[in-house]
Every structure is written in C-alpha cells, then in structure tokens.
Amino acid sequence: MSMLGKETRFRYFLDPLFLVCSFVYAMNRFIIKPRMPSSEIFFRGYLNDFLLIPCALPPLLFLHRIFSLRSANQPPTAREITIHLVFWSLFFEYLGPIFYCRATSDPWDIGAYWVGGFISWIVWNMVPRRQKRSTL
C-alpha cells in the first residue's frame, strides 16, 4: 500500500526505474566504461554498483511473487530492499573475494549499493505518492 492508503501496482520488468537504470547499466558496461581511462573512478568503479538495486531487485521480486514469497504487487518495501542489500553486500564484498580469486572487496561498493537502494526506495514509494496528491 502506498503512503495514502491506495495500492500502487508495481510493474516489475516494466517499471520505469528498472527500464531506465537497466539501459544506463548496459550503456556504461558496454560503451562508456571501456572507453574511460583506467584512472577514472565513477564510471569504471561505482556507477554499476549504484544501479544494483534498481536493476536486480525487480526481476528477483517478480520471482518471489511467482513462488508466493511476496503477497502483493506493491513497490519494494524498505524491508525488502534492506534484506537484499545486506545479502548482496555480504555475498559480493565478503564471500566473493574469498571464493573467487579475481574478485576484490571494496567498502565503497557497499556504499554505492546502499545509496542506490535508498534512492530507489524513494522513487518507488514517494514519487507515486506525489503524483496521486497532484490529481486529488
């Protein structure tokens, strides 16, 4: 349910934030990042980490919905985002480097995951609220 009490339907693969961020991720991964100098930090190191939640969470929540692990088609809650952020932070920045020799741990990656997650939560849960207020 949204902040106003009316349910806002989450569209998973058709969610505008998911679509825009997936496009930005692909552009950065395949076009921008390869053309950046090795000393460049943001595009080479943190942009794709920042996009983790808006790109990866909607498909995962869709699977949760299919397997009845999610009861409604509402936007991702703060709890859902936080659980996935904790799991992915531990997996990618702690366990990954232990078991995969090419992986490195970077605490700034975790910061990028969490900032992207917080901004995603705001977009998914506050923007629909603002739009509904304008139509009242």
Protein backbone atom coordinates (compact mmCIF):
# COMPACT_ATOMS: atom_id res chain seq x y z
CA MET A 1 0.00 0.00 0.00
CA SER A 2 1.22 3.49 -0.69
CA MET A 3 1.51 6.22 1.90
CA LEU A 4 -2.02 7.45 1.03
CA GLY A 5 -3.67 4.07 1.55
CA LYS A 6 -4.28 3.24 -2.11
CA GLU A 7 -2.27 0.40 -3.59
CA THR A 8 0.27 1.36 -6.21
CA ARG A 9 0.85 -1.56 -8.56
CA PHE A 10 4.50 -2.42 -9.13
CA ARG A 11 5.18 -3.42 -12.74
CA TYR A 12 8.46 -5.39 -12.24
CA PHE A 13 10.03 -5.67 -15.75
CA LEU A 14 8.00 -2.68 -16.97
CA ASP A 15 8.86 -0.46 -14.02
CA PRO A 16 10.22 2.85 -15.38
CA LEU A 17 13.12 2.98 -12.89
CA PHE A 18 14.12 -0.61 -13.77
CA LEU A 19 14.00 0.17 -17.53
CA VAL A 20 15.99 3.42 -17.30
CA CYS A 21 18.61 2.00 -14.92
CA SER A 22 19.00 -1.18 -16.99
CA PHE A 23 19.62 0.97 -20.06
CA VAL A 24 22.17 3.10 -18.16
CA TYR A 25 23.84 -0.08 -16.84
CA ALA A 26 24.17 -1.54 -20.36
CA MET A 27 25.47 1.75 -21.80
CA ASN A 28 28.04 2.05 -19.02
CA ARG A 29 29.08 -1.62 -19.16
CA PHE A 30 29.50 -1.90 -22.91
CA ILE A 31 30.10 1.64 -24.24
CA ILE A 32 31.19 4.15 -21.60
CA LYS A 33 33.36 2.08 -19.23
CA PRO A 34 35.60 0.52 -21.92
CA ARG A 35 36.42 4.00 -23.26
CA MET A 36 37.32 5.51 -19.90
CA PRO A 37 40.93 5.80 -18.75
CA SER A 38 41.94 3.32 -16.07
CA SER A 39 42.27 6.20 -13.58
CA GLU A 40 38.59 7.18 -13.93
CA ILE A 41 36.71 6.22 -10.75
CA PHE A 42 32.94 6.78 -11.03
CA PHE A 43 32.03 5.11 -14.36
CA ARG A 44 34.63 2.35 -14.05
CA GLY A 45 34.17 1.66 -10.36
CA TYR A 46 30.85 2.69 -8.87
CA LEU A 47 28.05 3.51 -11.33
CA ASN A 48 27.08 -0.12 -11.91
CA ASP A 49 27.22 -0.79 -8.15
CA PHE A 50 24.89 2.18 -7.63
CA LEU A 51 22.46 0.58 -10.12
CA LEU A 52 22.37 -2.83 -8.38
CA ILE A 53 19.02 -2.42 -6.59
CA PRO A 54 17.01 -0.75 -9.38
CA CYS A 55 18.33 -3.28 -11.94
CA ALA A 56 18.41 -6.54 -9.97
CA LEU A 57 15.60 -6.24 -7.43
CA PRO A 58 12.54 -6.03 -9.74
CA PRO A 59 13.28 -9.35 -11.53
CA LEU A 60 14.06 -11.01 -8.20
CA LEU A 61 10.84 -9.71 -6.63
CA PHE A 62 8.96 -10.98 -9.68
CA LEU A 63 10.33 -14.46 -8.93
CA HIS A 64 9.34 -14.00 -5.27
CA ARG A 65 5.80 -13.20 -6.47
CA ILE A 66 5.66 -16.25 -8.74
CA PHE A 67 6.78 -18.55 -5.89
CA SER A 68 4.33 -16.88 -3.44
CA LEU A 69 7.14 -15.37 -1.36
CA ARG A 70 5.60 -11.96 -1.98
CA SER A 71 1.90 -11.45 -1.35
CA ALA A 72 1.14 -8.33 -3.41
CA ASN A 73 2.35 -6.30 -6.37
CA GLN A 74 3.28 -3.23 -4.35
CA PRO A 75 6.52 -1.27 -4.82
CA PRO A 76 9.54 -2.73 -2.99
CA THR A 77 9.40 -2.00 0.72
CA ALA A 78 12.27 -0.69 2.81
CA ARG A 79 12.46 -4.14 4.45
CA GLU A 80 12.74 -5.97 1.09
CA ILE A 81 15.41 -3.58 -0.14
CA THR A 82 17.38 -3.78 3.12
CA ILE A 83 17.32 -7.61 3.24
CA HIS A 84 18.67 -7.80 -0.31
CA LEU A 85 21.26 -5.10 0.35
CA VAL A 86 22.61 -6.95 3.39
CA PHE A 87 22.72 -10.25 1.47
CA TRP A 88 24.36 -8.78 -1.64
CA SER A 89 26.84 -6.72 0.38
CA LEU A 90 28.00 -9.81 2.27
CA PHE A 91 27.98 -12.00 -0.83
CA PHE A 92 29.76 -9.66 -3.24
CA GLU A 93 32.15 -7.91 -0.87
CA TYR A 94 32.98 -10.64 1.66
CA LEU A 95 32.29 -14.14 0.28
CA GLY A 96 33.04 -13.33 -3.36
CA PRO A 97 36.69 -12.40 -2.77
CA ILE A 98 37.17 -15.47 -0.56
CA PHE A 99 35.97 -17.96 -3.18
CA TYR A 100 36.71 -16.14 -6.46
CA CYS A 101 40.35 -15.13 -6.85
CA ARG A 102 39.64 -12.33 -9.38
CA ALA A 103 37.15 -10.59 -7.06
CA THR A 104 38.20 -7.80 -4.73
CA SER A 105 36.43 -6.37 -1.72
CA ASP A 106 35.71 -2.64 -1.72
CA PRO A 107 33.73 -1.00 1.11
CA TRP A 108 32.87 1.87 -1.26
CA ASP A 109 30.94 -0.65 -3.38
CA ILE A 110 28.72 -1.31 -0.37
CA GLY A 111 28.14 2.42 -0.01
CA ALA A 112 27.15 2.62 -3.68
CA TYR A 113 24.71 -0.32 -3.27
CA TRP A 114 23.07 1.37 -0.28
CA VAL A 115 22.85 4.85 -1.82
CA GLY A 116 21.30 3.34 -4.96
CA GLY A 117 18.92 1.31 -2.80
CA PHE A 118 17.83 4.35 -0.79
CA ILE A 119 17.24 6.47 -3.88
CA SER A 120 15.34 3.58 -5.49
CA TRP A 121 13.11 3.27 -2.41
CA ILE A 122 12.35 6.99 -2.61
CA VAL A 123 11.46 6.76 -6.30
CA TRP A 124 9.36 3.61 -5.89
CA ASN A 125 7.50 4.76 -2.79
CA MET A 126 7.45 8.55 -2.73
CA VAL A 127 7.08 9.52 -6.40
CA PRO A 128 3.73 7.68 -6.79
CA ARG A 129 2.55 9.44 -3.63
CA ARG A 130 3.41 12.85 -5.08
CA GLN A 131 1.65 12.03 -8.36
CA LYS A 132 -1.55 10.99 -6.54
CA ARG A 133 -1.56 14.20 -4.50
CA SER A 134 -1.48 16.27 -7.69
CA THR A 135 -4.59 14.51 -9.04
CA LEU A 136 -6.66 14.99 -5.86
